[in-house]
Amino acid sequence: MSLALIIVIGWLYVTVLVAANEPTVISGIISFLFYGALPCGLLLYFAGSRVRRERRRFKEMMAEKNRQDAES
């Protein structure tokens, strides 16, 4: 996940510079959103999917353990 975060920071830096060179503010905002924010959001979402899956399994395992302890 840390490598993905470094890539995201670098890519956002590049897209901010590209957006700053656009002729209008609207085109700068649009280029930042479509070239920067959207791809980075997808990258972080996919990079964090394994962590979310493991966290869900852990919660289910703890709930099952608590249920078994309550029955005993």
PDB file of N, CA and C in Angstrom:
ATOM      1  N   MET A   1       0.823  -1.195   0.000  1.00  0.00           N
ATOM      2  CA  MET A   1       0.000   0.000   0.000  1.00  0.00           C
ATOM      3  C   MET A   1       0.860   1.249   0.000  1.00  0.00           C
ATOM      4  N   SER A   2       2.027   1.217   0.641  1.00  0.00           N
ATOM      5  CA  SER A   2       2.859   2.411   0.697  1.00  0.00           C
ATOM      6  C   SER A   2       3.407   2.768  -0.679  1.00  0.00           C
ATOM      7  N   LEU A   3       3.717   1.752  -1.502  1.00  0.00           N
ATOM      8  CA  LEU A   3       4.185   2.034  -2.857  1.00  0.00           C
ATOM      9  C   LEU A   3       3.081   2.696  -3.674  1.00  0.00           C
ATOM     10  N   ALA A   4       1.870   2.242  -3.499  1.00  0.00           N
ATOM     11  CA  ALA A   4       0.742   2.852  -4.208  1.00  0.00           C
ATOM     12  C   ALA A   4       0.555   4.299  -3.778  1.00  0.00           C
ATOM     13  N   LEU A   5       0.784   4.581  -2.505  1.00  0.00           N
ATOM     14  CA  LEU A   5       0.644   5.947  -2.008  1.00  0.00           C
ATOM     15  C   LEU A   5       1.715   6.863  -2.596  1.00  0.00           C
ATOM     16  N   ILE A   6       2.929   6.376  -2.738  1.00  0.00           N
ATOM     17  CA  ILE A   6       3.998   7.164  -3.354  1.00  0.00           C
ATOM     18  C   ILE A   6       3.667   7.448  -4.815  1.00  0.00           C
ATOM     19  N   ILE A   7       3.151   6.468  -5.511  1.00  0.00           N
ATOM     20  CA  ILE A   7       2.769   6.652  -6.913  1.00  0.00           C
ATOM     21  C   ILE A   7       1.653   7.672  -7.026  1.00  0.00           C
ATOM     22  N   VAL A   8       0.683   7.607  -6.136  1.00  0.00           N
ATOM     23  CA  VAL A   8      -0.440   8.550  -6.155  1.00  0.00           C
ATOM     24  C   VAL A   8       0.048   9.976  -5.913  1.00  0.00           C
ATOM     25  N   ILE A   9       0.923  10.163  -4.942  1.00  0.00           N
ATOM     26  CA  ILE A   9       1.432  11.507  -4.658  1.00  0.00           C
ATOM     27  C   ILE A   9       2.183  12.062  -5.854  1.00  0.00           C
ATOM     28  N   GLY A  10       3.023  11.247  -6.466  1.00  0.00           N
ATOM     29  CA  GLY A  10       3.764  11.691  -7.650  1.00  0.00           C
ATOM     30  C   GLY A  10       2.841  12.022  -8.819  1.00  0.00           C
ATOM     31  N   TRP A  11       1.852  11.172  -9.040  1.00  0.00           N
ATOM     32  CA  TRP A  11       0.934  11.412 -10.148  1.00  0.00           C
ATOM     33  C   TRP A  11       0.085  12.658  -9.911  1.00  0.00           C
ATOM     34  N   LEU A  12      -0.347  12.870  -8.685  1.00  0.00           N
ATOM     35  CA  LEU A  12      -1.124  14.076  -8.386  1.00  0.00           C
ATOM     36  C   LEU A  12      -0.278  15.333  -8.569  1.00  0.00           C
ATOM     37  N   TYR A  13       0.996  15.268  -8.233  1.00  0.00           N
ATOM     38  CA  TYR A  13       1.895  16.397  -8.456  1.00  0.00           C
ATOM     39  C   TYR A  13       1.972  16.719  -9.951  1.00  0.00           C
ATOM     40  N   VAL A  14       2.135  15.693 -10.761  1.00  0.00           N
ATOM     41  CA  VAL A  14       2.222  15.903 -12.212  1.00  0.00           C
ATOM     42  C   VAL A  14       0.918  16.479 -12.744  1.00  0.00           C
ATOM     43  N   THR A  15      -0.209  15.953 -12.316  1.00  0.00           N
ATOM     44  CA  THR A  15      -1.485  16.439 -12.846  1.00  0.00           C
ATOM     45  C   THR A  15      -1.811  17.848 -12.360  1.00  0.00           C
ATOM     46  N   VAL A  16      -1.348  18.215 -11.174  1.00  0.00           N
ATOM     47  CA  VAL A  16      -1.539  19.605 -10.725  1.00  0.00           C
ATOM     48  C   VAL A  16      -0.741  20.546 -11.617  1.00  0.00           C
ATOM     49  N   LEU A  17       0.478  20.159 -11.971  1.00  0.00           N
ATOM     50  CA  LEU A  17       1.284  20.992 -12.867  1.00  0.00           C
ATOM     51  C   LEU A  17       0.654  21.094 -14.260  1.00  0.00           C
ATOM     52  N   VAL A  18       0.127  19.988 -14.751  1.00  0.00           N
ATOM     53  CA  VAL A  18      -0.546  20.014 -16.058  1.00  0.00           C
ATOM     54  C   VAL A  18      -1.797  20.872 -15.994  1.00  0.00           C
ATOM     55  N   ALA A  19      -2.556  20.747 -14.932  1.00  0.00           N
ATOM     56  CA  ALA A  19      -3.785  21.522 -14.777  1.00  0.00           C
ATOM     57  C   ALA A  19      -3.472  23.011 -14.647  1.00  0.00           C
ATOM     58  N   ALA A  20      -2.359  23.344 -14.010  1.00  0.00           N
ATOM     59  CA  ALA A  20      -1.985  24.756 -13.864  1.00  0.00           C
ATOM     60  C   ALA A  20      -1.612  25.377 -15.203  1.00  0.00           C
ATOM     61  N   ASN A  21      -1.212  24.572 -16.180  1.00  0.00           N
ATOM     62  CA  ASN A  21      -0.833  25.086 -17.490  1.00  0.00           C
ATOM     63  C   ASN A  21      -1.981  25.129 -18.484  1.00  0.00           C
ATOM     64  N   GLU A  22      -3.160  24.722 -18.061  1.00  0.00           N
ATOM     65  CA  GLU A  22      -4.320  24.791 -18.952  1.00  0.00           C
ATOM     66  C   GLU A  22      -4.723  26.251 -19.165  1.00  0.00           C
ATOM     67  N   PRO A  23      -5.310  26.568 -20.313  1.00  0.00           N
ATOM     68  CA  PRO A  23      -5.640  27.969 -20.606  1.00  0.00           C
ATOM     69  C   PRO A  23      -6.765  28.559 -19.752  1.00  0.00           C
ATOM     70  N   THR A  24      -7.710  27.735 -19.300  1.00  0.00           N
ATOM     71  CA  THR A  24      -8.795  28.258 -18.460  1.00  0.00           C
ATOM     72  C   THR A  24      -8.871  27.462 -17.169  1.00  0.00           C
ATOM     73  N   VAL A  25      -9.508  28.046 -16.190  1.00  0.00           N
ATOM     74  CA  VAL A  25      -9.658  27.391 -14.894  1.00  0.00           C
ATOM     75  C   VAL A  25     -10.531  26.148 -15.022  1.00  0.00           C
ATOM     76  N   ILE A  26     -11.587  26.246 -15.800  1.00  0.00           N
ATOM     77  CA  ILE A  26     -12.496  25.098 -15.983  1.00  0.00           C
ATOM     78  C   ILE A  26     -11.763  23.924 -16.611  1.00  0.00           C
ATOM     79  N   SER A  27     -10.995  24.165 -17.648  1.00  0.00           N
ATOM     80  CA  SER A  27     -10.262  23.063 -18.278  1.00  0.00           C
ATOM     81  C   SER A  27      -9.196  22.512 -17.339  1.00  0.00           C
ATOM     82  N   GLY A  28      -8.614  23.364 -16.491  1.00  0.00           N
ATOM     83  CA  GLY A  28      -7.659  22.885 -15.500  1.00  0.00           C
ATOM     84  C   GLY A  28      -8.309  21.976 -14.482  1.00  0.00           C
ATOM     85  N   ILE A  29      -9.488  22.363 -14.025  1.00  0.00           N
ATOM     86  CA  ILE A  29     -10.219  21.533 -13.055  1.00  0.00           C
ATOM     87  C   ILE A  29     -10.630  20.207 -13.682  1.00  0.00           C
ATOM     88  N   ILE A  30     -11.124  20.270 -14.897  1.00  0.00           N
ATOM     89  CA  ILE A  30     -11.554  19.042 -15.574  1.00  0.00           C
ATOM     90  C   ILE A  30     -10.372  18.111 -15.815  1.00  0.00           C
ATOM     91  N   SER A  31      -9.248  18.673 -16.280  1.00  0.00           N
ATOM     92  CA  SER A  31      -8.092  17.814 -16.525  1.00  0.00           C
ATOM     93  C   SER A  31      -7.559  17.228 -15.221  1.00  0.00           C
ATOM     94  N   PHE A  32      -7.591  17.992 -14.127  1.00  0.00           N
ATOM     95  CA  PHE A  32      -7.148  17.433 -12.850  1.00  0.00           C
ATOM     96  C   PHE A  32      -8.076  16.315 -12.388  1.00  0.00           C
ATOM     97  N   LEU A  33      -9.378  16.504 -12.537  1.00  0.00           N
ATOM     98  CA  LEU A  33     -10.309  15.473 -12.098  1.00  0.00           C
ATOM     99  C   LEU A  33     -10.175  14.195 -12.916  1.00  0.00           C
ATOM    100  N   PHE A  34     -10.097  14.340 -14.247  1.00  0.00           N
ATOM    101  CA  PHE A  34     -10.090  13.146 -15.094  1.00  0.00           C
ATOM    102  C   PHE A  34      -8.716  12.517 -15.255  1.00  0.00           C
ATOM    103  N   TYR A  35      -7.644  13.303 -15.139  1.00  0.00           N
ATOM    104  CA  TYR A  35      -6.301  12.738 -15.251  1.00  0.00           C
ATOM    105  C   TYR A  35      -5.667  12.471 -13.897  1.00  0.00           C
ATOM    106  N   GLY A  36      -6.194  13.081 -12.841  1.00  0.00           N
ATOM    107  CA  GLY A  36      -5.562  12.945 -11.541  1.00  0.00           C
ATOM    108  C   GLY A  36      -6.414  12.267 -10.505  1.00  0.00           C
ATOM    109  N   ALA A  37      -7.515  12.886 -10.132  1.00  0.00           N
ATOM    110  CA  ALA A  37      -8.306  12.408  -8.999  1.00  0.00           C
ATOM    111  C   ALA A  37      -8.985  11.062  -9.287  1.00  0.00           C
ATOM    112  N   LEU A  38      -9.585  10.928 -10.443  1.00  0.00           N
ATOM    113  CA  LEU A  38     -10.291   9.683 -10.760  1.00  0.00           C
ATOM    114  C   LEU A  38      -9.340   8.480 -10.855  1.00  0.00           C
ATOM    115  N   PRO A  39      -8.250   8.552 -11.623  1.00  0.00           N
ATOM    116  CA  PRO A  39      -7.346   7.395 -11.656  1.00  0.00           C
ATOM    117  C   PRO A  39      -6.708   7.086 -10.298  1.00  0.00           C
ATOM    118  N   CYS A  40      -6.369   8.112  -9.540  1.00  0.00           N
ATOM    119  CA  CYS A  40      -5.767   7.875  -8.221  1.00  0.00           C
ATOM    120  C   CYS A  40      -6.774   7.267  -7.261  1.00  0.00           C
ATOM    121  N   GLY A  41      -8.007   7.702  -7.331  1.00  0.00           N
ATOM    122  CA  GLY A  41      -9.034   7.114  -6.495  1.00  0.00           C
ATOM    123  C   GLY A  41      -9.230   5.640  -6.809  1.00  0.00           C
ATOM    124  N   LEU A  42      -9.235   5.306  -8.091  1.00  0.00           N
ATOM    125  CA  LEU A  42      -9.365   3.896  -8.474  1.00  0.00           C
ATOM    126  C   LEU A  42      -8.158   3.085  -8.020  1.00  0.00           C
ATOM    127  N   LEU A  43      -6.968   3.654  -8.170  1.00  0.00           N
ATOM    128  CA  LEU A  43      -5.761   2.952  -7.748  1.00  0.00           C
ATOM    129  C   LEU A  43      -5.783   2.676  -6.250  1.00  0.00           C
ATOM    130  N   LEU A  44      -6.139   3.660  -5.462  1.00  0.00           N
ATOM    131  CA  LEU A  44      -6.201   3.460  -4.013  1.00  0.00           C
ATOM    132  C   LEU A  44      -7.311   2.491  -3.618  1.00  0.00           C
ATOM    133  N   TYR A  45      -8.426   2.533  -4.326  1.00  0.00           N
ATOM    134  CA  TYR A  45      -9.522   1.610  -4.029  1.00  0.00           C
ATOM    135  C   TYR A  45      -9.090   0.163  -4.290  1.00  0.00           C
ATOM    136  N   PHE A  46      -8.463  -0.077  -5.428  1.00  0.00           N
ATOM    137  CA  PHE A  46      -8.029  -1.434  -5.753  1.00  0.00           C
ATOM    138  C   PHE A  46      -6.860  -1.880  -4.880  1.00  0.00           C
ATOM    139  N   ALA A  47      -5.989  -0.953  -4.520  1.00  0.00           N
ATOM    140  CA  ALA A  47      -4.858  -1.315  -3.664  1.00  0.00           C
ATOM    141  C   ALA A  47      -5.332  -1.655  -2.259  1.00  0.00           C
ATOM    142  N   GLY A  48      -6.407  -1.062  -1.802  1.00  0.00           N
ATOM    143  CA  GLY A  48      -6.909  -1.323  -0.466  1.00  0.00           C
ATOM    144  C   GLY A  48      -7.915  -2.444  -0.375  1.00  0.00           C
ATOM    145  N   SER A  49      -8.234  -3.087  -1.488  1.00  0.00           N
ATOM    146  CA  SER A  49      -9.267  -4.128  -1.466  1.00  0.00           C
ATOM    147  C   SER A  49      -8.836  -5.333  -0.631  1.00  0.00           C
ATOM    148  N   ARG A  50      -7.569  -5.691  -0.685  1.00  0.00           N
ATOM    149  CA  ARG A  50      -7.102  -6.826   0.105  1.00  0.00           C
ATOM    150  C   ARG A  50      -7.203  -6.520   1.596  1.00  0.00           C
ATOM    151  N   VAL A  51      -6.864  -5.305   1.976  1.00  0.00           N
ATOM    152  CA  VAL A  51      -6.942  -4.912   3.387  1.00  0.00           C
ATOM    153  C   VAL A  51      -8.388  -4.953   3.864  1.00  0.00           C
ATOM    154  N   ARG A  52      -9.316  -4.446   3.036  1.00  0.00           N
ATOM    155  CA  ARG A  52     -10.728  -4.481   3.422  1.00  0.00           C
ATOM    156  C   ARG A  52     -11.234  -5.912   3.547  1.00  0.00           C
ATOM    157  N   ARG A  53     -10.811  -6.785   2.645  1.00  0.00           N
ATOM    158  CA  ARG A  53     -11.236  -8.186   2.682  1.00  0.00           C
ATOM    159  C   ARG A  53     -10.710  -8.872   3.947  1.00  0.00           C
ATOM    160  N   GLU A  54      -9.442  -8.644   4.298  1.00  0.00           N
ATOM    161  CA  GLU A  54      -8.874  -9.245   5.498  1.00  0.00           C
ATOM    162  C   GLU A  54      -9.542  -8.684   6.756  1.00  0.00           C
ATOM    163  N   ARG A  55      -9.854  -7.400   6.756  1.00  0.00           N
ATOM    164  CA  ARG A  55     -10.527  -6.800   7.911  1.00  0.00           C
ATOM    165  C   ARG A  55     -11.919  -7.399   8.097  1.00  0.00           C
ATOM    166  N   ARG A  56     -12.636  -7.634   6.990  1.00  0.00           N
ATOM    167  CA  ARG A  56     -13.972  -8.236   7.076  1.00  0.00           C
ATOM    168  C   ARG A  56     -13.873  -9.663   7.608  1.00  0.00           C
ATOM    169  N   ARG A  57     -12.877 -10.439   7.140  1.00  0.00           N
ATOM    170  CA  ARG A  57     -12.698 -11.797   7.641  1.00  0.00           C
ATOM    171  C   ARG A  57     -12.377 -11.807   9.126  1.00  0.00           C
ATOM    172  N   PHE A  58     -11.538 -10.867   9.556  1.00  0.00           N
ATOM    173  CA  PHE A  58     -11.184 -10.793  10.971  1.00  0.00           C
ATOM    174  C   PHE A  58     -12.405 -10.477  11.822  1.00  0.00           C
ATOM    175  N   LYS A  59     -13.233  -9.536  11.370  1.00  0.00           N
ATOM    176  CA  LYS A  59     -14.446  -9.196  12.122  1.00  0.00           C
ATOM    177  C   LYS A  59     -15.390 -10.385  12.209  1.00  0.00           C
ATOM    178  N   GLU A  60     -15.536 -11.116  11.105  1.00  0.00           N
ATOM    179  CA  GLU A  60     -16.395 -12.297  11.112  1.00  0.00           C
ATOM    180  C   GLU A  60     -15.851 -13.364  12.060  1.00  0.00           C
ATOM    181  N   MET A  61     -14.529 -13.533  12.054  1.00  0.00           N
ATOM    182  CA  MET A  61     -13.908 -14.517  12.926  1.00  0.00           C
ATOM    183  C   MET A  61     -14.095 -14.131  14.394  1.00  0.00           C
ATOM    184  N   MET A  62     -13.947 -12.857  14.702  1.00  0.00           N
ATOM    185  CA  MET A  62     -14.139 -12.404  16.083  1.00  0.00           C
ATOM    186  C   MET A  62     -15.603 -12.536  16.510  1.00  0.00           C
ATOM    187  N   ALA A  63     -16.527 -12.260  15.605  1.00  0.00           N
ATOM    188  CA  ALA A  63     -17.941 -12.407  15.922  1.00  0.00           C
ATOM    189  C   ALA A  63     -18.268 -13.875  16.189  1.00  0.00           C
ATOM    190  N   GLU A  64     -17.708 -14.771  15.397  1.00  0.00           N
ATOM    191  CA  GLU A  64     -17.930 -16.206  15.603  1.00  0.00           C
ATOM    192  C   GLU A  64     -17.338 -16.648  16.936  1.00  0.00           C
ATOM    193  N   LYS A  65     -16.161 -16.150  17.261  1.00  0.00           N
ATOM    194  CA  LYS A  65     -15.527 -16.497  18.540  1.00  0.00           C
ATOM    195  C   LYS A  65     -16.358 -15.981  19.712  1.00  0.00           C
ATOM    196  N   ASN A  66     -16.860 -14.774  19.614  1.00  0.00           N
ATOM    197  CA  ASN A  66     -17.700 -14.216  20.680  1.00  0.00           C
ATOM    198  C   ASN A  66     -19.002 -14.998  20.819  1.00  0.00           C
ATOM    199  N   ARG A  67     -19.556 -15.443  19.713  1.00  0.00           N
ATOM    200  CA  ARG A  67     -20.782 -16.230  19.743  1.00  0.00           C
ATOM    201  C   ARG A  67     -20.533 -17.571  20.430  1.00  0.00           C
ATOM    202  N   GLN A  68     -19.386 -18.204  20.124  1.00  0.00           N
ATOM    203  CA  GLN A  68     -19.056 -19.482  20.754  1.00  0.00           C
ATOM    204  C   GLN A  68     -18.782 -19.298  22.240  1.00  0.00           C
ATOM    205  N   ASP A  69     -18.135 -18.187  22.621  1.00  0.00           N
ATOM    206  CA  ASP A  69     -17.875 -17.934  24.041  1.00  0.00           C
ATOM    207  C   ASP A  69     -19.179 -17.685  24.803  1.00  0.00           C
ATOM    208  N   ALA A  70     -20.137 -17.037  24.160  1.00  0.00           N
ATOM    209  CA  ALA A  70     -21.412 -16.762  24.814  1.00  0.00           C
ATOM    210  C   ALA A  70     -22.215 -18.053  25.014  1.00  0.00           C
ATOM    211  N   GLU A  71     -22.080 -19.012  24.095  1.00  0.00           N
ATOM    212  CA  GLU A  71     -22.799 -20.273  24.217  1.00  0.00           C
ATOM    213  C   GLU A  71     -22.209 -21.171  25.280  1.00  0.00           C
ATOM    214  N   SER A  72     -20.940 -21.015  25.546  1.00  0.00           N
ATOM    215  CA  SER A  72     -20.264 -21.898  26.520  1.00  0.00           C
ATOM    216  C   SER A  72     -20.587 -21.582  27.952  1.00  0.00           C
TER     217      SER A  72
END
